[in-house]
């Protein structure tokens, strides 16, 4: 589920960047973007605005879903939250023969 949601999130992000770049520039302070743009007319502007809003909503929803999934999968971050692991008693050491030279 996590991988599917992550792929959908990335596709929405790429689509959002593309739709934003297609929109007509309003500012002329730097002298760029004064032309008609790729799509002109009121209907095209409404379509791009609506598409941007839909993709932005999808981006926020998938971001929240990914955050909730990551939070539910996380391990306790404090050593005090974990139970101590049971340890086996140590085996007695076997006697060793003295080394002769």
PDB file of N, CA and C in Angstrom:
ATOM      1  N   UNK A   1       0.818  -1.190   0.000  1.00  0.00           N
ATOM      2  CA  UNK A   1       0.000   0.000   0.000  1.00  0.00           C
ATOM      3  C   UNK A   1       0.867   1.261   0.000  1.00  0.00           C
ATOM      4  N   UNK A   2       1.950   1.195   0.762  1.00  0.00           N
ATOM      5  CA  UNK A   2       2.828   2.354   0.865  1.00  0.00           C
ATOM      6  C   UNK A   2       3.460   2.675  -0.482  1.00  0.00           C
ATOM      7  N   UNK A   3       3.906   1.657  -1.194  1.00  0.00           N
ATOM      8  CA  UNK A   3       4.568   1.889  -2.484  1.00  0.00           C
ATOM      9  C   UNK A   3       3.583   2.425  -3.529  1.00  0.00           C
ATOM     10  N   UNK A   4       2.376   1.917  -3.532  1.00  0.00           N
ATOM     11  CA  UNK A   4       1.365   2.396  -4.477  1.00  0.00           C
ATOM     12  C   UNK A   4       1.047   3.862  -4.202  1.00  0.00           C
ATOM     13  N   UNK A   5       0.872   4.195  -2.936  1.00  0.00           N
ATOM     14  CA  UNK A   5       0.570   5.572  -2.561  1.00  0.00           C
ATOM     15  C   UNK A   5       1.732   6.508  -2.878  1.00  0.00           C
ATOM     16  N   UNK A   6       2.945   6.014  -2.712  1.00  0.00           N
ATOM     17  CA  UNK A   6       4.122   6.830  -3.033  1.00  0.00           C
ATOM     18  C   UNK A   6       4.228   7.100  -4.528  1.00  0.00           C
ATOM     19  N   UNK A   7       3.924   6.106  -5.355  1.00  0.00           N
ATOM     20  CA  UNK A   7       3.946   6.298  -6.811  1.00  0.00           C
ATOM     21  C   UNK A   7       2.858   7.293  -7.224  1.00  0.00           C
ATOM     22  N   UNK A   8       1.673   7.166  -6.654  1.00  0.00           N
ATOM     23  CA  UNK A   8       0.593   8.110  -6.959  1.00  0.00           C
ATOM     24  C   UNK A   8       0.997   9.520  -6.544  1.00  0.00           C
ATOM     25  N   UNK A   9       1.621   9.650  -5.393  1.00  0.00           N
ATOM     26  CA  UNK A   9       2.069  10.952  -4.896  1.00  0.00           C
ATOM     27  C   UNK A   9       3.086  11.582  -5.851  1.00  0.00           C
ATOM     28  N   UNK A  10       4.019  10.785  -6.325  1.00  0.00           N
ATOM     29  CA  UNK A  10       5.025  11.312  -7.256  1.00  0.00           C
ATOM     30  C   UNK A  10       4.407  11.711  -8.592  1.00  0.00           C
ATOM     31  N   UNK A  11       3.456  10.930  -9.095  1.00  0.00           N
ATOM     32  CA  UNK A  11       2.786  11.284 -10.349  1.00  0.00           C
ATOM     33  C   UNK A  11       1.979  12.576 -10.202  1.00  0.00           C
ATOM     34  N   UNK A  12       1.328  12.743  -9.061  1.00  0.00           N
ATOM     35  CA  UNK A  12       0.581  13.985  -8.822  1.00  0.00           C
ATOM     36  C   UNK A  12       1.542  15.164  -8.757  1.00  0.00           C
ATOM     37  N   UNK A  13       2.691  14.992  -8.114  1.00  0.00           N
ATOM     38  CA  UNK A  13       3.660  16.080  -8.006  1.00  0.00           C
ATOM     39  C   UNK A  13       4.197  16.483  -9.376  1.00  0.00           C
ATOM     40  N   UNK A  14       4.494  15.510 -10.215  1.00  0.00           N
ATOM     41  CA  UNK A  14       4.977  15.809 -11.572  1.00  0.00           C
ATOM     42  C   UNK A  14       3.892  16.504 -12.382  1.00  0.00           C
ATOM     43  N   UNK A  15       2.652  16.017 -12.275  1.00  0.00           N
ATOM     44  CA  UNK A  15       1.535  16.656 -12.976  1.00  0.00           C
ATOM     45  C   UNK A  15       1.288  18.074 -12.499  1.00  0.00           C
ATOM     46  N   UNK A  16       1.440  18.298 -11.201  1.00  0.00           N
ATOM     47  CA  UNK A  16       1.243  19.635 -10.640  1.00  0.00           C
ATOM     48  C   UNK A  16       2.292  20.610 -11.164  1.00  0.00           C
ATOM     49  N   UNK A  17       3.521  20.168 -11.236  1.00  0.00           N
ATOM     50  CA  UNK A  17       4.579  21.023 -11.790  1.00  0.00           C
ATOM     51  C   UNK A  17       4.286  21.344 -13.249  1.00  0.00           C
ATOM     52  N   UNK A  18       3.870  20.350 -14.013  1.00  0.00           N
ATOM     53  CA  UNK A  18       3.557  20.571 -15.427  1.00  0.00           C
ATOM     54  C   UNK A  18       2.414  21.546 -15.637  1.00  0.00           C
ATOM     55  N   UNK A  19       1.354  21.401 -14.853  1.00  0.00           N
ATOM     56  CA  UNK A  19       0.195  22.294 -14.998  1.00  0.00           C
ATOM     57  C   UNK A  19       0.554  23.717 -14.589  1.00  0.00           C
ATOM     58  N   UNK A  20       1.363  23.855 -13.559  1.00  0.00           N
ATOM     59  CA  UNK A  20       1.778  25.197 -13.134  1.00  0.00           C
ATOM     60  C   UNK A  20       2.634  25.860 -14.204  1.00  0.00           C
ATOM     61  N   UNK A  21       3.493  25.088 -14.840  1.00  0.00           N
ATOM     62  CA  UNK A  21       4.335  25.667 -15.889  1.00  0.00           C
ATOM     63  C   UNK A  21       3.542  26.033 -17.146  1.00  0.00           C
ATOM     64  N   UNK A  22       2.394  25.400 -17.369  1.00  0.00           N
ATOM     65  CA  UNK A  22       1.567  25.727 -18.525  1.00  0.00           C
ATOM     66  C   UNK A  22       0.787  27.024 -18.359  1.00  0.00           C
ATOM     67  N   UNK A  23       0.611  27.458 -17.125  1.00  0.00           N
ATOM     68  CA  UNK A  23      -0.202  28.647 -16.894  1.00  0.00           C
ATOM     69  C   UNK A  23       0.501  29.910 -17.376  1.00  0.00           C
ATOM     70  N   UNK A  24      -0.300  30.865 -17.734  1.00  0.00           N
ATOM     71  CA  UNK A  24       0.199  32.137 -18.257  1.00  0.00           C
ATOM     72  C   UNK A  24       0.794  32.968 -17.135  1.00  0.00           C
ATOM     73  N   UNK A  25       1.910  33.586 -17.410  1.00  0.00           N
ATOM     74  CA  UNK A  25       2.571  34.425 -16.429  1.00  0.00           C
ATOM     75  C   UNK A  25       1.839  35.757 -16.320  1.00  0.00           C
ATOM     76  N   UNK A  26       1.603  36.210 -15.104  1.00  0.00           N
ATOM     77  CA  UNK A  26       0.923  37.475 -14.879  1.00  0.00           C
ATOM     78  C   UNK A  26       1.904  38.625 -14.706  1.00  0.00           C
ATOM     79  N   UNK A  27       3.074  38.331 -14.192  1.00  0.00           N
ATOM     80  CA  UNK A  27       4.024  39.393 -13.880  1.00  0.00           C
ATOM     81  C   UNK A  27       4.899  39.741 -15.059  1.00  0.00           C
ATOM     82  N   UNK A  28       5.181  41.008 -15.212  1.00  0.00           N
ATOM     83  CA  UNK A  28       6.065  41.441 -16.268  1.00  0.00           C
ATOM     84  C   UNK A  28       7.233  42.239 -15.712  1.00  0.00           C
ATOM     85  N   UNK A  29       7.535  42.056 -14.440  1.00  0.00           N
ATOM     86  CA  UNK A  29       8.563  42.850 -13.785  1.00  0.00           C
ATOM     87  C   UNK A  29       9.940  42.582 -14.376  1.00  0.00           C
ATOM     88  N   UNK A  30      10.205  41.355 -14.777  1.00  0.00           N
ATOM     89  CA  UNK A  30      11.508  41.022 -15.330  1.00  0.00           C
ATOM     90  C   UNK A  30      11.503  41.042 -16.851  1.00  0.00           C
ATOM     91  N   UNK A  31      10.372  41.336 -17.429  1.00  0.00           N
ATOM     92  CA  UNK A  31      10.297  41.393 -18.882  1.00  0.00           C
ATOM     93  C   UNK A  31      10.152  40.041 -19.539  1.00  0.00           C
ATOM     94  N   UNK A  32       9.750  39.028 -18.779  1.00  0.00           N
ATOM     95  CA  UNK A  32       9.595  37.687 -19.349  1.00  0.00           C
ATOM     96  C   UNK A  32       8.127  37.284 -19.267  1.00  0.00           C
ATOM     97  N   UNK A  33       7.743  36.374 -20.104  1.00  0.00           N
ATOM     98  CA  UNK A  33       6.401  35.806 -20.038  1.00  0.00           C
ATOM     99  C   UNK A  33       5.307  36.724 -20.524  1.00  0.00           C
ATOM    100  N   UNK A  34       5.590  37.649 -21.384  1.00  0.00           N
ATOM    101  CA  UNK A  34       4.567  38.571 -21.833  1.00  0.00           C
ATOM    102  C   UNK A  34       3.718  38.044 -22.964  1.00  0.00           C
ATOM    103  N   UNK A  35       4.141  36.970 -23.605  1.00  0.00           N
ATOM    104  CA  UNK A  35       3.424  36.421 -24.759  1.00  0.00           C
ATOM    105  C   UNK A  35       2.106  35.803 -24.368  1.00  0.00           C
ATOM    106  N   UNK A  36       1.448  35.227 -25.353  1.00  0.00           N
ATOM    107  CA  UNK A  36       0.129  34.648 -25.137  1.00  0.00           C
ATOM    108  C   UNK A  36       0.138  33.369 -24.332  1.00  0.00           C
ATOM    109  N   UNK A  37       1.239  32.696 -24.253  1.00  0.00           N
ATOM    110  CA  UNK A  37       1.298  31.438 -23.524  1.00  0.00           C
ATOM    111  C   UNK A  37       0.865  30.283 -24.401  1.00  0.00           C
ATOM    112  N   UNK A  38       0.899  29.098 -23.848  1.00  0.00           N
ATOM    113  CA  UNK A  38       0.541  27.900 -24.599  1.00  0.00           C
ATOM    114  C   UNK A  38      -0.959  27.849 -24.846  1.00  0.00           C
ATOM    115  N   UNK A  39      -1.740  28.106 -23.804  1.00  0.00           N
ATOM    116  CA  UNK A  39      -3.195  28.080 -23.916  1.00  0.00           C
ATOM    117  C   UNK A  39      -3.710  29.490 -23.639  1.00  0.00           C
ATOM    118  N   UNK A  40      -4.572  29.972 -24.485  1.00  0.00           N
ATOM    119  CA  UNK A  40      -5.106  31.313 -24.275  1.00  0.00           C
ATOM    120  C   UNK A  40      -6.608  31.236 -24.115  1.00  0.00           C
ATOM    121  N   UNK A  41      -7.163  32.292 -23.603  1.00  0.00           N
ATOM    122  CA  UNK A  41      -8.617  32.355 -23.455  1.00  0.00           C
ATOM    123  C   UNK A  41      -9.040  32.100 -22.032  1.00  0.00           C
ATOM    124  N   UNK A  42     -10.276  32.511 -21.754  1.00  0.00           N
ATOM    125  CA  UNK A  42     -10.812  32.379 -20.408  1.00  0.00           C
ATOM    126  C   UNK A  42     -11.070  30.918 -20.044  1.00  0.00           C
ATOM    127  N   UNK A  43     -11.560  30.121 -20.979  1.00  0.00           N
ATOM    128  CA  UNK A  43     -11.861  28.715 -20.696  1.00  0.00           C
ATOM    129  C   UNK A  43     -10.598  27.932 -20.376  1.00  0.00           C
ATOM    130  N   UNK A  44      -9.515  28.224 -21.091  1.00  0.00           N
ATOM    131  CA  UNK A  44      -8.258  27.531 -20.828  1.00  0.00           C
ATOM    132  C   UNK A  44      -7.723  27.897 -19.454  1.00  0.00           C
ATOM    133  N   UNK A  45      -7.862  29.160 -19.072  1.00  0.00           N
ATOM    134  CA  UNK A  45      -7.423  29.593 -17.749  1.00  0.00           C
ATOM    135  C   UNK A  45      -8.222  28.932 -16.646  1.00  0.00           C
ATOM    136  N   UNK A  46      -9.528  28.815 -16.857  1.00  0.00           N
ATOM    137  CA  UNK A  46     -10.368  28.147 -15.867  1.00  0.00           C
ATOM    138  C   UNK A  46     -10.022  26.664 -15.757  1.00  0.00           C
ATOM    139  N   UNK A  47      -9.741  26.024 -16.888  1.00  0.00           N
ATOM    140  CA  UNK A  47      -9.372  24.616 -16.881  1.00  0.00           C
ATOM    141  C   UNK A  47      -8.064  24.404 -16.138  1.00  0.00           C
ATOM    142  N   UNK A  48      -7.069  25.236 -16.405  1.00  0.00           N
ATOM    143  CA  UNK A  48      -5.783  25.086 -15.736  1.00  0.00           C
ATOM    144  C   UNK A  48      -5.899  25.389 -14.244  1.00  0.00           C
ATOM    145  N   UNK A  49      -6.700  26.377 -13.885  1.00  0.00           N
ATOM    146  CA  UNK A  49      -6.900  26.708 -12.475  1.00  0.00           C
ATOM    147  C   UNK A  49      -7.591  25.574 -11.742  1.00  0.00           C
ATOM    148  N   UNK A  50      -8.618  25.018 -12.361  1.00  0.00           N
ATOM    149  CA  UNK A  50      -9.341  23.903 -11.742  1.00  0.00           C
ATOM    150  C   UNK A  50      -8.451  22.664 -11.633  1.00  0.00           C
ATOM    151  N   UNK A  51      -7.667  22.392 -12.676  1.00  0.00           N
ATOM    152  CA  UNK A  51      -6.759  21.243 -12.643  1.00  0.00           C
ATOM    153  C   UNK A  51      -5.699  21.417 -11.563  1.00  0.00           C
ATOM    154  N   UNK A  52      -5.191  22.634 -11.422  1.00  0.00           N
ATOM    155  CA  UNK A  52      -4.204  22.901 -10.382  1.00  0.00           C
ATOM    156  C   UNK A  52      -4.799  22.679  -9.003  1.00  0.00           C
ATOM    157  N   UNK A  53      -6.022  23.128  -8.784  1.00  0.00           N
ATOM    158  CA  UNK A  53      -6.671  22.948  -7.489  1.00  0.00           C
ATOM    159  C   UNK A  53      -6.901  21.469  -7.184  1.00  0.00           C
ATOM    160  N   UNK A  54      -7.316  20.709  -8.180  1.00  0.00           N
ATOM    161  CA  UNK A  54      -7.557  19.270  -7.978  1.00  0.00           C
ATOM    162  C   UNK A  54      -6.253  18.548  -7.674  1.00  0.00           C
ATOM    163  N   UNK A  55      -5.201  18.846  -8.435  1.00  0.00           N
ATOM    164  CA  UNK A  55      -3.910  18.197  -8.198  1.00  0.00           C
ATOM    165  C   UNK A  55      -3.317  18.613  -6.855  1.00  0.00           C
ATOM    166  N   UNK A  56      -3.492  19.879  -6.467  1.00  0.00           N
ATOM    167  CA  UNK A  56      -2.983  20.328  -5.168  1.00  0.00           C
ATOM    168  C   UNK A  56      -3.703  19.622  -4.024  1.00  0.00           C
ATOM    169  N   UNK A  57      -5.012  19.445  -4.159  1.00  0.00           N
ATOM    170  CA  UNK A  57      -5.775  18.725  -3.139  1.00  0.00           C
ATOM    171  C   UNK A  57      -5.307  17.274  -3.054  1.00  0.00           C
ATOM    172  N   UNK A  58      -5.109  16.640  -4.208  1.00  0.00           N
ATOM    173  CA  UNK A  58      -4.594  15.271  -4.217  1.00  0.00           C
ATOM    174  C   UNK A  58      -3.208  15.171  -3.604  1.00  0.00           C
ATOM    175  N   UNK A  59      -2.379  16.174  -3.846  1.00  0.00           N
ATOM    176  CA  UNK A  59      -1.031  16.185  -3.280  1.00  0.00           C
ATOM    177  C   UNK A  59      -1.094  16.269  -1.757  1.00  0.00           C
ATOM    178  N   UNK A  60      -1.952  17.144  -1.222  1.00  0.00           N
ATOM    179  CA  UNK A  60      -2.067  17.265   0.224  1.00  0.00           C
ATOM    180  C   UNK A  60      -2.643  15.996   0.853  1.00  0.00           C
ATOM    181  N   UNK A  61      -3.619  15.394   0.195  1.00  0.00           N
ATOM    182  CA  UNK A  61      -4.232  14.180   0.740  1.00  0.00           C
ATOM    183  C   UNK A  61      -3.225  13.037   0.761  1.00  0.00           C
ATOM    184  N   UNK A  62      -2.478  12.856  -0.322  1.00  0.00           N
ATOM    185  CA  UNK A  62      -1.487  11.780  -0.335  1.00  0.00           C
ATOM    186  C   UNK A  62      -0.334  12.072   0.628  1.00  0.00           C
ATOM    187  N   UNK A  63       0.007  13.344   0.815  1.00  0.00           N
ATOM    188  CA  UNK A  63       1.048  13.684   1.798  1.00  0.00           C
ATOM    189  C   UNK A  63       0.610  13.301   3.206  1.00  0.00           C
ATOM    190  N   UNK A  64      -0.632  13.629   3.549  1.00  0.00           N
ATOM    191  CA  UNK A  64      -1.134  13.260   4.872  1.00  0.00           C
ATOM    192  C   UNK A  64      -1.229  11.748   5.045  1.00  0.00           C
ATOM    193  N   UNK A  65      -1.663  11.050   4.013  1.00  0.00           N
ATOM    194  CA  UNK A  65      -1.766   9.590   4.095  1.00  0.00           C
ATOM    195  C   UNK A  65      -0.387   8.956   4.267  1.00  0.00           C
ATOM    196  N   UNK A  66       0.597   9.449   3.531  1.00  0.00           N
ATOM    197  CA  UNK A  66       1.958   8.925   3.682  1.00  0.00           C
ATOM    198  C   UNK A  66       2.507   9.205   5.074  1.00  0.00           C
ATOM    199  N   UNK A  67       2.220  10.372   5.624  1.00  0.00           N
ATOM    200  CA  UNK A  67       2.686  10.698   6.975  1.00  0.00           C
ATOM    201  C   UNK A  67       2.029   9.789   8.009  1.00  0.00           C
ATOM    202  N   UNK A  68       0.746   9.521   7.855  1.00  0.00           N
ATOM    203  CA  UNK A  68       0.053   8.643   8.801  1.00  0.00           C
ATOM    204  C   UNK A  68       0.560   7.208   8.713  1.00  0.00           C
ATOM    205  N   UNK A  69       0.823   6.737   7.508  1.00  0.00           N
ATOM    206  CA  UNK A  69       1.353   5.381   7.347  1.00  0.00           C
ATOM    207  C   UNK A  69       2.750   5.286   7.948  1.00  0.00           C
ATOM    208  N   UNK A  70       3.579   6.285   7.715  1.00  0.00           N
ATOM    209  CA  UNK A  70       4.938   6.269   8.265  1.00  0.00           C
ATOM    210  C   UNK A  70       4.899   6.337   9.788  1.00  0.00           C
ATOM    211  N   UNK A  71       3.944   7.075  10.340  1.00  0.00           N
ATOM    212  CA  UNK A  71       3.836   7.170  11.789  1.00  0.00           C
ATOM    213  C   UNK A  71       3.395   5.849  12.400  1.00  0.00           C
ATOM    214  N   UNK A  72       2.523   5.132  11.737  1.00  0.00           N
ATOM    215  CA  UNK A  72       2.043   3.861  12.288  1.00  0.00           C
ATOM    216  C   UNK A  72       3.093   2.764  12.177  1.00  0.00           C
ATOM    217  N   UNK A  73       4.032   2.911  11.263  1.00  0.00           N
ATOM    218  CA  UNK A  73       5.075   1.895  11.087  1.00  0.00           C
ATOM    219  C   UNK A  73       6.315   2.154  11.934  1.00  0.00           C
ATOM    220  N   UNK A  74       6.390   3.290  12.579  1.00  0.00           N
ATOM    221  CA  UNK A  74       7.615   3.645  13.295  1.00  0.00           C
ATOM    222  C   UNK A  74       7.771   2.817  14.565  1.00  0.00           C
ATOM    223  N   UNK A  75       9.007   2.616  14.955  1.00  0.00           N
ATOM    224  CA  UNK A  75       9.348   1.889  16.163  1.00  0.00           C
ATOM    225  C   UNK A  75       9.468   2.882  17.318  1.00  0.00           C
ATOM    226  N   UNK A  76       9.362   2.423  18.550  1.00  0.00           N
ATOM    227  CA  UNK A  76       9.550   3.336  19.675  1.00  0.00           C
ATOM    228  C   UNK A  76      10.938   3.978  19.614  1.00  0.00           C
ATOM    229  N   UNK A  77      10.986   5.267  19.879  1.00  0.00           N
ATOM    230  CA  UNK A  77      12.253   5.973  19.746  1.00  0.00           C
ATOM    231  C   UNK A  77      13.029   6.043  21.051  1.00  0.00           C
ATOM    232  N   UNK A  78      12.404   5.686  22.158  1.00  0.00           N
ATOM    233  CA  UNK A  78      13.077   5.758  23.449  1.00  0.00           C
ATOM    234  C   UNK A  78      13.446   4.367  23.921  1.00  0.00           C
ATOM    235  N   UNK A  79      14.584   4.238  24.563  1.00  0.00           N
ATOM    236  CA  UNK A  79      14.988   2.946  25.100  1.00  0.00           C
ATOM    237  C   UNK A  79      14.091   2.546  26.270  1.00  0.00           C
ATOM    238  N   UNK A  80      13.454   3.529  26.890  1.00  0.00           N
ATOM    239  CA  UNK A  80      12.556   3.237  28.009  1.00  0.00           C
ATOM    240  C   UNK A  80      11.236   2.632  27.523  1.00  0.00           C
ATOM    241  N   UNK A  81      10.895   2.814  26.245  1.00  0.00           N
ATOM    242  CA  UNK A  81       9.647   2.272  25.706  1.00  0.00           C
ATOM    243  C   UNK A  81       9.762   0.808  25.326  1.00  0.00           C
ATOM    244  N   UNK A  82      10.968   0.292  25.187  1.00  0.00           N
ATOM    245  CA  UNK A  82      11.149  -1.091  24.768  1.00  0.00           C
ATOM    246  C   UNK A  82      11.317  -1.985  25.977  1.00  0.00           C
ATOM    247  N   UNK A  83      10.771  -3.182  25.904  1.00  0.00           N
ATOM    248  CA  UNK A  83      10.912  -4.155  26.980  1.00  0.00           C
ATOM    249  C   UNK A  83      12.297  -4.796  26.872  1.00  0.00           C
ATOM    250  N   UNK A  84      12.898  -5.121  28.007  1.00  0.00           N
ATOM    251  CA  UNK A  84      14.223  -5.749  27.930  1.00  0.00           C
ATOM    252  C   UNK A  84      14.116  -7.141  27.323  1.00  0.00           C
ATOM    253  N   UNK A  85      15.086  -7.487  26.518  1.00  0.00           N
ATOM    254  CA  UNK A  85      15.101  -8.798  25.875  1.00  0.00           C
ATOM    255  C   UNK A  85      15.565  -9.835  26.894  1.00  0.00           C
ATOM    256  N   UNK A  86      14.914 -11.009  26.927  1.00  0.00           N
ATOM    257  CA  UNK A  86      15.357 -12.038  27.869  1.00  0.00           C
ATOM    258  C   UNK A  86      16.738 -12.553  27.454  1.00  0.00           C
ATOM    259  N   UNK A  87      17.568 -12.761  28.460  1.00  0.00           N
ATOM    260  CA  UNK A  87      18.923 -13.257  28.182  1.00  0.00           C
ATOM    261  C   UNK A  87      19.057 -14.655  28.738  1.00  0.00           C
ATOM    262  N   UNK A  88      19.812 -15.467  28.036  1.00  0.00           N
ATOM    263  CA  UNK A  88      20.070 -16.840  28.482  1.00  0.00           C
ATOM    264  C   UNK A  88      21.223 -16.804  29.479  1.00  0.00           C
ATOM    265  N   UNK A  89      21.197 -17.712  30.468  1.00  0.00           N
ATOM    266  CA  UNK A  89      22.314 -17.733  31.416  1.00  0.00           C
ATOM    267  C   UNK A  89      23.604 -18.122  30.691  1.00  0.00           C
ATOM    268  N   UNK A  90      24.689 -17.569  31.165  1.00  0.00           N
ATOM    269  CA  UNK A  90      25.984 -17.843  30.544  1.00  0.00           C
ATOM    270  C   UNK A  90      26.405 -19.273  30.833  1.00  0.00           C
ATOM    271  N   UNK A  91      26.969 -19.938  29.849  1.00  0.00           N
ATOM    272  CA  UNK A  91      27.454 -21.304  30.020  1.00  0.00           C
ATOM    273  C   UNK A  91      28.783 -21.264  30.771  1.00  0.00           C
ATOM    274  N   UNK A  92      29.012 -22.250  31.622  1.00  0.00           N
ATOM    275  CA  UNK A  92      30.296 -22.253  32.351  1.00  0.00           C
ATOM    276  C   UNK A  92      31.441 -22.479  31.375  1.00  0.00           C
ATOM    277  N   UNK A  93      32.542 -21.850  31.657  1.00  0.00           N
ATOM    278  CA  UNK A  93      33.718 -21.973  30.795  1.00  0.00           C
ATOM    279  C   UNK A  93      34.371 -23.322  31.019  1.00  0.00           C
ATOM    280  N   UNK A  94      34.793 -23.948  29.950  1.00  0.00           N
ATOM    281  CA  UNK A  94      35.464 -25.241  30.039  1.00  0.00           C
ATOM    282  C   UNK A  94      36.907 -25.020  30.490  1.00  0.00           C
ATOM    283  N   UNK A  95      37.396 -25.885  31.364  1.00  0.00           N
ATOM    284  CA  UNK A  95      38.796 -25.718  31.795  1.00  0.00           C
ATOM    285  C   UNK A  95      39.732 -25.976  30.623  1.00  0.00           C
ATOM    286  N   UNK A  96      40.790 -25.219  30.596  1.00  0.00           N
ATOM    287  CA  UNK A  96      41.775 -25.371  29.529  1.00  0.00           C
ATOM    288  C   UNK A  96      43.046 -25.998  30.061  1.00  0.00           C
ATOM    289  N   UNK A  97      43.707 -26.726  29.240  1.00  0.00           N
ATOM    290  CA  UNK A  97      44.983 -27.376  29.639  1.00  0.00           C
ATOM    291  C   UNK A  97      46.078 -26.314  29.589  1.00  0.00           C
ATOM    292  N   UNK A  98      47.051 -26.398  30.496  1.00  0.00           N
ATOM    293  CA  UNK A  98      48.132 -25.432  30.470  1.00  0.00           C
ATOM    294  C   UNK A  98      48.968 -25.593  29.205  1.00  0.00           C
ATOM    295  N   UNK A  99      49.443 -24.509  28.713  1.00  0.00           N
ATOM    296  CA  UNK A  99      50.257 -24.532  27.511  1.00  0.00           C
ATOM    297  C   UNK A  99      51.683 -24.887  27.870  1.00  0.00           C
ATOM    298  N   UNK A 100      52.292 -25.794  27.140  1.00  0.00           N
ATOM    299  CA  UNK A 100      53.695 -26.170  27.406  1.00  0.00           C
ATOM    300  C   UNK A 100      54.556 -25.693  26.255  1.00  0.00           C
ATOM    301  N   UNK A 101      55.775 -25.302  26.599  1.00  0.00           N
ATOM    302  CA  UNK A 101      56.694 -24.824  25.570  1.00  0.00           C
ATOM    303  C   UNK A 101      57.803 -25.759  25.382  1.00  0.00           C
TER     304      UNK A 101
END
